[in-house]
């Protein structure tokens, strides 16, 4: 009788082990599904954030281009004003302008020798 009860006990134990293995496999499959779902959610979140960052960068680059164009326009206007003033000064005092140009040329040549 003891052999029969030992056999029954082993059979019950084997059934419990099989059920546990199946339960573990089911849990692993569930975890894999959850991980796949999490991966999809993270990917969608990343795409959304990347899109937001891209639109903000595009907006900032547009602002930067506009500010650069405005600064270039202002600098060009200042250069035109200075050029006009220099031209008027040279026409008004040509000998003084010639002396200044010769002095600047002399200084540049002295610096170039070194």
N, C-alpha and C. Protein backbone atom coordinates (compact mmCIF):
# COMPACT_ATOMS: atom_id res chain seq x y z
N UNK A 1 0.79 -1.16 0.00
CA UNK A 1 0.00 0.00 0.00
C UNK A 1 0.86 1.26 0.00
N UNK A 2 1.90 1.17 0.67
CA UNK A 2 2.77 2.33 0.74
C UNK A 2 3.34 2.66 -0.64
N UNK A 3 3.56 1.69 -1.48
CA UNK A 3 4.04 1.94 -2.82
C UNK A 3 2.96 2.63 -3.64
N UNK A 4 1.74 2.23 -3.48
CA UNK A 4 0.64 2.84 -4.23
C UNK A 4 0.47 4.30 -3.80
N UNK A 5 0.50 4.55 -2.51
CA UNK A 5 0.34 5.93 -2.06
C UNK A 5 1.53 6.79 -2.47
N UNK A 6 2.71 6.22 -2.53
CA UNK A 6 3.88 6.95 -2.99
C UNK A 6 3.73 7.28 -4.46
N UNK A 7 3.21 6.34 -5.25
CA UNK A 7 3.00 6.56 -6.68
C UNK A 7 1.96 7.66 -6.89
N UNK A 8 0.89 7.62 -6.10
CA UNK A 8 -0.14 8.65 -6.22
C UNK A 8 0.43 10.02 -5.85
N UNK A 9 1.20 10.02 -4.83
CA UNK A 9 1.82 11.26 -4.38
C UNK A 9 2.74 11.82 -5.46
N UNK A 10 3.52 10.95 -6.13
CA UNK A 10 4.41 11.38 -7.20
C UNK A 10 3.61 11.89 -8.40
N UNK A 11 2.49 11.25 -8.69
CA UNK A 11 1.64 11.66 -9.79
C UNK A 11 1.05 13.04 -9.51
N UNK A 12 0.57 13.25 -8.28
CA UNK A 12 0.04 14.55 -7.90
C UNK A 12 1.12 15.61 -7.99
N UNK A 13 2.31 15.25 -7.52
CA UNK A 13 3.43 16.19 -7.56
C UNK A 13 3.79 16.53 -9.00
N UNK A 14 3.78 15.56 -9.88
CA UNK A 14 4.09 15.79 -11.29
C UNK A 14 3.03 16.70 -11.92
N UNK A 15 1.75 16.47 -11.57
CA UNK A 15 0.69 17.32 -12.10
C UNK A 15 0.85 18.75 -11.60
N UNK A 16 1.22 18.91 -10.33
CA UNK A 16 1.44 20.25 -9.77
C UNK A 16 2.63 20.93 -10.45
N UNK A 17 3.69 20.15 -10.72
CA UNK A 17 4.86 20.70 -11.41
C UNK A 17 4.48 21.12 -12.83
N UNK A 18 3.69 20.33 -13.51
CA UNK A 18 3.27 20.66 -14.87
C UNK A 18 2.40 21.91 -14.85
N UNK A 19 1.50 21.98 -13.92
CA UNK A 19 0.64 23.16 -13.82
C UNK A 19 1.49 24.39 -13.51
N UNK A 20 2.46 24.25 -12.67
CA UNK A 20 3.33 25.37 -12.33
C UNK A 20 4.15 25.79 -13.54
N UNK A 21 4.65 24.84 -14.29
CA UNK A 21 5.42 25.15 -15.49
C UNK A 21 4.54 25.86 -16.51
N UNK A 22 3.33 25.37 -16.67
CA UNK A 22 2.41 26.01 -17.61
C UNK A 22 2.04 27.42 -17.15
N UNK A 23 1.86 27.56 -15.84
CA UNK A 23 1.55 28.88 -15.29
C UNK A 23 2.72 29.85 -15.53
N UNK A 24 3.92 29.35 -15.32
CA UNK A 24 5.10 30.19 -15.54
C UNK A 24 5.22 30.57 -17.01
N UNK A 25 4.99 29.62 -17.90
CA UNK A 25 5.05 29.91 -19.32
C UNK A 25 3.99 30.93 -19.73
N UNK A 26 2.80 30.81 -19.14
CA UNK A 26 1.73 31.77 -19.43
C UNK A 26 2.12 33.16 -18.91
N UNK A 27 2.71 33.20 -17.73
CA UNK A 27 3.15 34.48 -17.18
C UNK A 27 4.25 35.11 -18.04
N UNK A 28 5.17 34.28 -18.50
CA UNK A 28 6.25 34.77 -19.36
C UNK A 28 5.66 35.33 -20.66
N UNK A 29 4.70 34.64 -21.23
CA UNK A 29 4.05 35.12 -22.45
C UNK A 29 3.34 36.44 -22.18
N UNK A 30 2.69 36.55 -21.03
CA UNK A 30 2.01 37.79 -20.66
C UNK A 30 3.03 38.93 -20.49
N UNK A 31 4.14 38.62 -19.85
CA UNK A 31 5.18 39.64 -19.66
C UNK A 31 5.75 40.07 -21.00
N UNK A 32 5.96 39.13 -21.90
CA UNK A 32 6.46 39.48 -23.24
C UNK A 32 5.49 40.40 -23.95
N UNK A 33 4.20 40.09 -23.83
CA UNK A 33 3.19 40.95 -24.44
C UNK A 33 3.20 42.35 -23.84
N UNK A 34 3.34 42.41 -22.51
CA UNK A 34 3.40 43.71 -21.84
C UNK A 34 4.64 44.50 -22.27
N UNK A 35 5.77 43.81 -22.42
CA UNK A 35 7.00 44.48 -22.84
C UNK A 35 6.85 44.99 -24.27
N UNK A 36 6.23 44.20 -25.13
CA UNK A 36 6.01 44.65 -26.51
C UNK A 36 5.09 45.87 -26.53
N UNK A 37 4.06 45.83 -25.73
CA UNK A 37 3.13 46.97 -25.63
C UNK A 37 3.85 48.20 -25.09
N UNK A 38 4.67 48.01 -24.09
CA UNK A 38 5.45 49.11 -23.52
C UNK A 38 6.40 49.69 -24.57
N UNK A 39 7.03 48.82 -25.35
CA UNK A 39 7.93 49.27 -26.41
C UNK A 39 7.19 50.13 -27.43
N UNK A 40 5.99 49.70 -27.80
CA UNK A 40 5.19 50.48 -28.75
C UNK A 40 4.80 51.84 -28.16
N UNK A 41 4.44 51.84 -26.89
CA UNK A 41 4.06 53.09 -26.22
C UNK A 41 5.25 54.05 -26.14
N UNK A 42 6.42 53.53 -25.78
CA UNK A 42 7.63 54.35 -25.70
C UNK A 42 8.00 54.88 -27.09
N UNK A 43 7.87 54.05 -28.11
CA UNK A 43 8.17 54.50 -29.48
C UNK A 43 7.22 55.61 -29.90
N UNK A 44 5.94 55.45 -29.60
CA UNK A 44 4.96 56.49 -29.95
C UNK A 44 5.25 57.78 -29.19
N UNK A 45 5.61 57.68 -27.93
CA UNK A 45 5.96 58.85 -27.13
C UNK A 45 7.20 59.53 -27.70
N UNK A 46 8.20 58.72 -28.08
CA UNK A 46 9.42 59.27 -28.67
C UNK A 46 9.14 59.99 -29.98
N UNK A 47 8.27 59.42 -30.81
CA UNK A 47 7.91 60.08 -32.07
C UNK A 47 7.23 61.42 -31.81
N UNK A 48 6.34 61.43 -30.82
CA UNK A 48 5.64 62.67 -30.48
C UNK A 48 6.61 63.73 -30.00
N UNK A 49 7.51 63.35 -29.11
CA UNK A 49 8.49 64.29 -28.59
C UNK A 49 9.43 64.75 -29.70
N UNK A 50 9.86 63.84 -30.56
CA UNK A 50 10.74 64.21 -31.67
C UNK A 50 10.04 65.20 -32.59
N UNK A 51 8.77 64.98 -32.84
CA UNK A 51 7.99 65.90 -33.68
C UNK A 51 7.90 67.27 -33.02
N UNK A 52 7.66 67.30 -31.71
CA UNK A 52 7.59 68.56 -30.99
C UNK A 52 8.92 69.31 -31.06
N UNK A 53 10.00 68.59 -30.82
CA UNK A 53 11.33 69.20 -30.85
C UNK A 53 11.65 69.71 -32.25
N UNK A 54 11.29 68.92 -33.25
CA UNK A 54 11.55 69.33 -34.63
C UNK A 54 10.77 70.60 -34.98
N UNK A 55 9.53 70.68 -34.57
CA UNK A 55 8.74 71.88 -34.88
C UNK A 55 9.28 73.09 -34.13
N UNK A 56 9.72 72.90 -32.88
CA UNK A 56 10.31 74.02 -32.13
C UNK A 56 11.62 74.45 -32.76
N UNK A 57 12.43 73.51 -33.20
CA UNK A 57 13.70 73.84 -33.85
C UNK A 57 13.45 74.57 -35.16
N UNK A 58 12.47 74.13 -35.90
CA UNK A 58 12.13 74.78 -37.16
C UNK A 58 11.67 76.21 -36.91
N UNK A 59 10.86 76.40 -35.90
CA UNK A 59 10.36 77.73 -35.54
C UNK A 59 11.53 78.63 -35.12
N UNK A 60 12.43 78.10 -34.30
CA UNK A 60 13.58 78.88 -33.83
C UNK A 60 14.51 79.21 -34.99
N UNK A 61 14.70 78.27 -35.90
CA UNK A 61 15.58 78.54 -37.04
C UNK A 61 14.97 79.62 -37.93
N UNK A 62 13.66 79.61 -38.09
CA UNK A 62 12.98 80.66 -38.85
C UNK A 62 13.17 82.02 -38.19
N UNK A 63 13.06 82.05 -36.85
CA UNK A 63 13.28 83.30 -36.13
C UNK A 63 14.72 83.77 -36.29
N UNK A 64 15.64 82.83 -36.23
CA UNK A 64 17.06 83.17 -36.36
C UNK A 64 17.37 83.69 -37.75
N UNK A 65 16.80 83.08 -38.76
CA UNK A 65 17.01 83.54 -40.14
C UNK A 65 16.46 84.96 -40.30
N UNK A 66 15.30 85.18 -39.76
CA UNK A 66 14.68 86.51 -39.87
C UNK A 66 15.53 87.55 -39.13
N UNK A 67 16.03 87.22 -37.94
CA UNK A 67 16.86 88.16 -37.19
C UNK A 67 18.18 88.42 -37.91
N UNK A 68 18.74 87.38 -38.52
CA UNK A 68 19.99 87.53 -39.28
C UNK A 68 19.79 88.43 -40.49
N UNK A 69 18.71 88.22 -41.20
CA UNK A 69 18.42 89.06 -42.37
C UNK A 69 18.22 90.51 -41.96
N UNK A 70 17.57 90.71 -40.83
CA UNK A 70 17.35 92.06 -40.34
C UNK A 70 18.69 92.70 -39.95
N UNK A 71 19.56 91.95 -39.27
CA UNK A 71 20.87 92.48 -38.87
C UNK A 71 21.72 92.79 -40.09
N UNK A 72 21.68 91.93 -41.09
CA UNK A 72 22.44 92.17 -42.32
C UNK A 72 21.93 93.44 -43.01
N UNK A 73 20.63 93.61 -43.04
CA UNK A 73 20.04 94.81 -43.64
C UNK A 73 20.49 96.08 -42.92
N UNK A 74 20.49 96.01 -41.58
CA UNK A 74 20.93 97.17 -40.80
C UNK A 74 22.41 97.46 -41.02
N UNK A 75 23.23 96.41 -41.04
CA UNK A 75 24.67 96.59 -41.28
C UNK A 75 24.93 97.16 -42.67
N UNK A 76 24.19 96.69 -43.64
CA UNK A 76 24.34 97.20 -45.00
C UNK A 76 23.96 98.68 -45.07
N UNK A 77 22.92 99.04 -44.36
CA UNK A 77 22.48 100.43 -44.31
C UNK A 77 23.55 101.30 -43.64
N UNK A 78 24.13 100.81 -42.55
CA UNK A 78 25.19 101.55 -41.87
C UNK A 78 26.42 101.69 -42.76
N UNK A 79 26.77 100.62 -43.48
CA UNK A 79 27.91 100.67 -44.39
C UNK A 79 27.68 101.69 -45.50
N UNK A 80 26.48 101.72 -46.04
CA UNK A 80 26.15 102.72 -47.06
C UNK A 80 26.27 104.14 -46.50
N UNK A 81 25.81 104.33 -45.27
CA UNK A 81 25.89 105.65 -44.64
C UNK A 81 27.35 106.07 -44.44
N UNK A 82 28.16 105.13 -43.92
CA UNK A 82 29.59 105.43 -43.70
C UNK A 82 30.29 105.70 -45.03
N UNK A 83 29.97 104.89 -46.02
CA UNK A 83 30.58 105.07 -47.34
C UNK A 83 30.24 106.45 -47.90
N UNK A 84 29.01 106.86 -47.75
CA UNK A 84 28.58 108.18 -48.23
C UNK A 84 29.31 109.29 -47.47
N UNK A 85 29.44 109.12 -46.15
CA UNK A 85 30.14 110.12 -45.34
C UNK A 85 31.62 110.21 -45.73
N UNK A 86 32.27 109.07 -45.94
CA UNK A 86 33.69 109.07 -46.33
C UNK A 86 33.84 109.73 -47.70
N UNK A 87 32.95 109.40 -48.60
CA UNK A 87 33.02 110.00 -49.94
C UNK A 87 32.88 111.52 -49.87
N UNK A 88 31.94 112.00 -49.06
CA UNK A 88 31.76 113.45 -48.90
C UNK A 88 33.01 114.09 -48.29
N UNK A 89 33.60 113.43 -47.31
CA UNK A 89 34.79 113.95 -46.65
C UNK A 89 35.97 114.00 -47.61
N UNK A 90 36.14 112.98 -48.44
CA UNK A 90 37.23 112.94 -49.41
C UNK A 90 37.04 114.05 -50.44
N UNK A 91 35.82 114.26 -50.88
CA UNK A 91 35.55 115.33 -51.87
C UNK A 91 35.78 116.71 -51.25
N UNK A 92 35.46 116.84 -49.97
CA UNK A 92 35.62 118.13 -49.32
C UNK A 92 37.09 118.44 -49.03
N UNK A 93 37.86 117.44 -48.63
CA UNK A 93 39.27 117.65 -48.27
C UNK A 93 40.13 116.55 -48.92
N UNK A 94 40.40 116.66 -50.20
CA UNK A 94 41.13 115.60 -50.89
C UNK A 94 42.59 115.44 -50.41
N UNK A 95 43.27 116.53 -50.10
CA UNK A 95 44.67 116.42 -49.66
C UNK A 95 44.77 115.75 -48.28
N UNK A 96 43.83 116.08 -47.41
CA UNK A 96 43.80 115.44 -46.09
C UNK A 96 43.53 113.94 -46.24
N UNK A 97 42.62 113.57 -47.11
CA UNK A 97 42.31 112.16 -47.36
C UNK A 97 43.52 111.42 -47.92
N UNK A 98 44.24 112.09 -48.83
CA UNK A 98 45.44 111.49 -49.41
C UNK A 98 46.51 111.28 -48.35
N UNK A 99 46.68 112.24 -47.45
CA UNK A 99 47.67 112.12 -46.37
C UNK A 99 47.28 110.99 -45.42
N UNK A 100 46.00 110.90 -45.10
CA UNK A 100 45.54 109.81 -44.21
C UNK A 100 45.77 108.45 -44.86
N UNK A 101 45.45 108.33 -46.14
CA UNK A 101 45.65 107.06 -46.86
C UNK A 101 47.13 106.70 -46.90
N UNK A 102 48.01 107.70 -47.13
CA UNK A 102 49.46 107.43 -47.14
C UNK A 102 49.94 107.01 -45.77
N UNK A 103 49.45 107.64 -44.72
CA UNK A 103 49.82 107.27 -43.35
C UNK A 103 49.39 105.85 -43.02
N UNK A 104 48.17 105.49 -43.40
CA UNK A 104 47.67 104.13 -43.15
C UNK A 104 48.51 103.12 -43.93
N UNK A 105 48.85 103.45 -45.17
CA UNK A 105 49.69 102.57 -45.97
C UNK A 105 51.06 102.38 -45.35
N UNK A 106 51.65 103.47 -44.81
CA UNK A 106 52.95 103.39 -44.16
C UNK A 106 52.89 102.49 -42.93
N UNK A 107 51.87 102.65 -42.11
CA UNK A 107 51.71 101.83 -40.89
C UNK A 107 51.53 100.36 -41.27
N UNK A 108 50.74 100.08 -42.27
CA UNK A 108 50.50 98.70 -42.70
C UNK A 108 51.81 98.09 -43.22
N UNK A 109 52.58 98.86 -43.98
CA UNK A 109 53.84 98.31 -44.50
C UNK A 109 54.84 98.05 -43.37
N UNK A 110 54.84 98.90 -42.34
CA UNK A 110 55.72 98.68 -41.19
C UNK A 110 55.31 97.41 -40.44
N UNK A 111 54.03 97.20 -40.30
CA UNK A 111 53.55 95.99 -39.61
C UNK A 111 53.81 94.74 -40.45
N UNK A 112 53.76 94.88 -41.76
CA UNK A 112 53.96 93.72 -42.65
C UNK A 112 55.42 93.28 -42.64
N UNK A 113 56.36 94.19 -42.37
CA UNK A 113 57.77 93.83 -42.33
C UNK A 113 58.09 92.91 -41.16
N UNK A 114 57.40 93.04 -40.13
CA UNK A 114 57.67 92.25 -38.92
C UNK A 114 57.13 90.91 -39.12
